[in-house]
Amino acid sequence: MYQVVKEMVDKMGYEVRLVRVTKRVHEAYFAQLYLSKVCI
C-alpha cells in the first residue's frame, strides 16, 4: 500500500511533509498525510 500512495503523491507533484498516526485498530494504523506542492 505504501508504494501505491507514494506513486500517487509523486505523480500529482506533491511531497509528504509529515505523517501523523491518528488511530490504531487491531493491527491497522490510520494516519493523516500533510503534503506540500513541489515547486520546480
PDB file of N, CA and C in Angstrom:
ATOM      1  N   MET A   1       0.819  -1.185   0.000  1.00  0.00           N
ATOM      2  CA  MET A   1       0.000   0.000   0.000  1.00  0.00           C
ATOM      3  C   MET A   1       0.868   1.256   0.000  1.00  0.00           C
ATOM      4  N   TYR A   2       1.975   1.211   0.715  1.00  0.00           N
ATOM      5  CA  TYR A   2       2.871   2.366   0.785  1.00  0.00           C
ATOM      6  C   TYR A   2       3.313   2.810  -0.603  1.00  0.00           C
ATOM      7  N   GLN A   3       3.706   1.867  -1.431  1.00  0.00           N
ATOM      8  CA  GLN A   3       4.213   2.184  -2.769  1.00  0.00           C
ATOM      9  C   GLN A   3       3.137   2.846  -3.628  1.00  0.00           C
ATOM     10  N   VAL A   4       1.898   2.402  -3.522  1.00  0.00           N
ATOM     11  CA  VAL A   4       0.795   2.984  -4.297  1.00  0.00           C
ATOM     12  C   VAL A   4       0.585   4.442  -3.903  1.00  0.00           C
ATOM     13  N   VAL A   5       0.545   4.713  -2.609  1.00  0.00           N
ATOM     14  CA  VAL A   5       0.354   6.090  -2.134  1.00  0.00           C
ATOM     15  C   VAL A   5       1.531   6.958  -2.547  1.00  0.00           C
ATOM     16  N   LYS A   6       2.744   6.446  -2.428  1.00  0.00           N
ATOM     17  CA  LYS A   6       3.936   7.209  -2.807  1.00  0.00           C
ATOM     18  C   LYS A   6       3.892   7.586  -4.284  1.00  0.00           C
ATOM     19  N   GLU A   7       3.534   6.648  -5.145  1.00  0.00           N
ATOM     20  CA  GLU A   7       3.455   6.934  -6.581  1.00  0.00           C
ATOM     21  C   GLU A   7       2.382   7.974  -6.891  1.00  0.00           C
ATOM     22  N   MET A   8       1.232   7.887  -6.219  1.00  0.00           N
ATOM     23  CA  MET A   8       0.165   8.870  -6.440  1.00  0.00           C
ATOM     24  C   MET A   8       0.618  10.267  -6.035  1.00  0.00           C
ATOM     25  N   VAL A   9       1.248  10.380  -4.881  1.00  0.00           N
ATOM     26  CA  VAL A   9       1.720  11.675  -4.388  1.00  0.00           C
ATOM     27  C   VAL A   9       2.764  12.244  -5.342  1.00  0.00           C
ATOM     28  N   ASP A  10       3.700  11.424  -5.780  1.00  0.00           N
ATOM     29  CA  ASP A  10       4.740  11.863  -6.719  1.00  0.00           C
ATOM     30  C   ASP A  10       4.141  12.336  -8.037  1.00  0.00           C
ATOM     31  N   LYS A  11       3.211  11.577  -8.592  1.00  0.00           N
ATOM     32  CA  LYS A  11       2.614  11.921  -9.887  1.00  0.00           C
ATOM     33  C   LYS A  11       1.795  13.200  -9.823  1.00  0.00           C
ATOM     34  N   MET A  12       1.225  13.510  -8.664  1.00  0.00           N
ATOM     35  CA  MET A  12       0.443  14.739  -8.514  1.00  0.00           C
ATOM     36  C   MET A  12       1.332  15.952  -8.249  1.00  0.00           C
ATOM     37  N   GLY A  13       2.639  15.716  -8.058  1.00  0.00           N
ATOM     38  CA  GLY A  13       3.566  16.818  -7.845  1.00  0.00           C
ATOM     39  C   GLY A  13       3.647  17.305  -6.405  1.00  0.00           C
ATOM     40  N   TYR A  14       3.410  16.409  -5.461  1.00  0.00           N
ATOM     41  CA  TYR A  14       3.477  16.766  -4.046  1.00  0.00           C
ATOM     42  C   TYR A  14       4.592  15.988  -3.368  1.00  0.00           C
ATOM     43  N   GLU A  15       4.948  16.449  -2.166  1.00  0.00           N
ATOM     44  CA  GLU A  15       5.852  15.681  -1.320  1.00  0.00           C
ATOM     45  C   GLU A  15       5.246  15.612   0.073  1.00  0.00           C
ATOM     46  N   VAL A  16       5.527  14.539   0.776  1.00  0.00           N
ATOM     47  CA  VAL A  16       4.991  14.348   2.122  1.00  0.00           C
ATOM     48  C   VAL A  16       5.862  15.122   3.101  1.00  0.00           C
ATOM     49  N   ARG A  17       5.221  15.994   3.881  1.00  0.00           N
ATOM     50  CA  ARG A  17       5.931  16.779   4.892  1.00  0.00           C
ATOM     51  C   ARG A  17       5.866  16.127   6.268  1.00  0.00           C
ATOM     52  N   LEU A  18       4.713  15.487   6.544  1.00  0.00           N
ATOM     53  CA  LEU A  18       4.510  14.907   7.867  1.00  0.00           C
ATOM     54  C   LEU A  18       3.484  13.793   7.770  1.00  0.00           C
ATOM     55  N   VAL A  19       3.699  12.741   8.533  1.00  0.00           N
ATOM     56  CA  VAL A  19       2.715  11.667   8.668  1.00  0.00           C
ATOM     57  C   VAL A  19       2.377  11.583  10.152  1.00  0.00           C
ATOM     58  N   ARG A  20       1.099  11.764  10.468  1.00  0.00           N
ATOM     59  CA  ARG A  20       0.653  11.719  11.863  1.00  0.00           C
ATOM     60  C   ARG A  20      -0.291  10.532  12.035  1.00  0.00           C
ATOM     61  N   VAL A  21       0.148   9.540  12.807  1.00  0.00           N
ATOM     62  CA  VAL A  21      -0.697   8.377  13.086  1.00  0.00           C
ATOM     63  C   VAL A  21      -1.784   8.833  14.056  1.00  0.00           C
ATOM     64  N   THR A  22      -3.052   8.629  13.651  1.00  0.00           N
ATOM     65  CA  THR A  22      -4.173   9.143  14.432  1.00  0.00           C
ATOM     66  C   THR A  22      -4.961   8.061  15.160  1.00  0.00           C
ATOM     67  N   LYS A  23      -4.838   6.816  14.704  1.00  0.00           N
ATOM     68  CA  LYS A  23      -5.673   5.767  15.273  1.00  0.00           C
ATOM     69  C   LYS A  23      -5.068   4.399  14.982  1.00  0.00           C
ATOM     70  N   ARG A  24      -5.273   3.478  15.905  1.00  0.00           N
ATOM     71  CA  ARG A  24      -4.863   2.090  15.683  1.00  0.00           C
ATOM     72  C   ARG A  24      -6.054   1.194  15.967  1.00  0.00           C
ATOM     73  N   VAL A  25      -6.399   0.366  15.002  1.00  0.00           N
ATOM     74  CA  VAL A  25      -7.494  -0.589  15.160  1.00  0.00           C
ATOM     75  C   VAL A  25      -6.911  -1.966  14.871  1.00  0.00           C
ATOM     76  N   HIS A  26      -6.848  -2.788  15.907  1.00  0.00           N
ATOM     77  CA  HIS A  26      -6.214  -4.105  15.822  1.00  0.00           C
ATOM     78  C   HIS A  26      -4.784  -3.928  15.303  1.00  0.00           C
ATOM     79  N   GLU A  27      -4.466  -4.402  14.134  1.00  0.00           N
ATOM     80  CA  GLU A  27      -3.110  -4.267  13.591  1.00  0.00           C
ATOM     81  C   GLU A  27      -3.032  -3.250  12.457  1.00  0.00           C
ATOM     82  N   ALA A  28      -4.069  -2.437  12.285  1.00  0.00           N
ATOM     83  CA  ALA A  28      -4.087  -1.423  11.221  1.00  0.00           C
ATOM     84  C   ALA A  28      -3.895  -0.039  11.833  1.00  0.00           C
ATOM     85  N   TYR A  29      -3.128   0.786  11.150  1.00  0.00           N
ATOM     86  CA  TYR A  29      -2.892   2.154  11.589  1.00  0.00           C
ATOM     87  C   TYR A  29      -3.525   3.122  10.605  1.00  0.00           C
ATOM     88  N   PHE A  30      -4.140   4.178  11.124  1.00  0.00           N
ATOM     89  CA  PHE A  30      -4.714   5.238  10.305  1.00  0.00           C
ATOM     90  C   PHE A  30      -3.874   6.484  10.529  1.00  0.00           C
ATOM     91  N   ALA A  31      -3.656   7.248   9.450  1.00  0.00           N
ATOM     92  CA  ALA A  31      -2.789   8.415   9.571  1.00  0.00           C
ATOM     93  C   ALA A  31      -3.273   9.548   8.688  1.00  0.00           C
ATOM     94  N   GLN A  32      -2.878  10.765   9.057  1.00  0.00           N
ATOM     95  CA  GLN A  32      -3.095  11.941   8.225  1.00  0.00           C
ATOM     96  C   GLN A  32      -1.773  12.250   7.542  1.00  0.00           C
ATOM     97  N   LEU A  33      -1.845  12.531   6.248  1.00  0.00           N
ATOM     98  CA  LEU A  33      -0.656  12.926   5.498  1.00  0.00           C
ATOM     99  C   LEU A  33      -0.706  14.422   5.268  1.00  0.00           C
ATOM    100  N   TYR A  34       0.370  15.101   5.561  1.00  0.00           N
ATOM    101  CA  TYR A  34       0.479  16.534   5.302  1.00  0.00           C
ATOM    102  C   TYR A  34       1.395  16.698   4.097  1.00  0.00           C
ATOM    103  N   LEU A  35       0.852  17.261   3.027  1.00  0.00           N
ATOM    104  CA  LEU A  35       1.560  17.363   1.753  1.00  0.00           C
ATOM    105  C   LEU A  35       1.867  18.812   1.422  1.00  0.00           C
ATOM    106  N   SER A  36       2.882  19.009   0.604  1.00  0.00           N
ATOM    107  CA  SER A  36       3.156  20.333   0.045  1.00  0.00           C
ATOM    108  C   SER A  36       3.489  20.165  -1.430  1.00  0.00           C
ATOM    109  N   LYS A  37       3.122  21.177  -2.208  1.00  0.00           N
ATOM    110  CA  LYS A  37       3.350  21.158  -3.649  1.00  0.00           C
ATOM    111  C   LYS A  37       4.837  21.364  -3.913  1.00  0.00           C
ATOM    112  N   VAL A  38       5.391  20.558  -4.801  1.00  0.00           N
ATOM    113  CA  VAL A  38       6.799  20.674  -5.178  1.00  0.00           C
ATOM    114  C   VAL A  38       6.917  21.762  -6.241  1.00  0.00           C
ATOM    115  N   CYS A  39       7.735  22.759  -5.980  1.00  0.00           N
ATOM    116  CA  CYS A  39       7.974  23.832  -6.951  1.00  0.00           C
ATOM    117  C   CYS A  39       9.258  23.534  -7.714  1.00  0.00           C
ATOM    118  N   ILE A  40       9.140  23.527  -9.022  1.00  0.00           N
ATOM    119  CA  ILE A  40      10.320  23.219  -9.850  1.00  0.00           C
ATOM    120  C   ILE A  40      10.838  24.504 -10.455  1.00  0.00           C
TER     121      ILE A  40
END
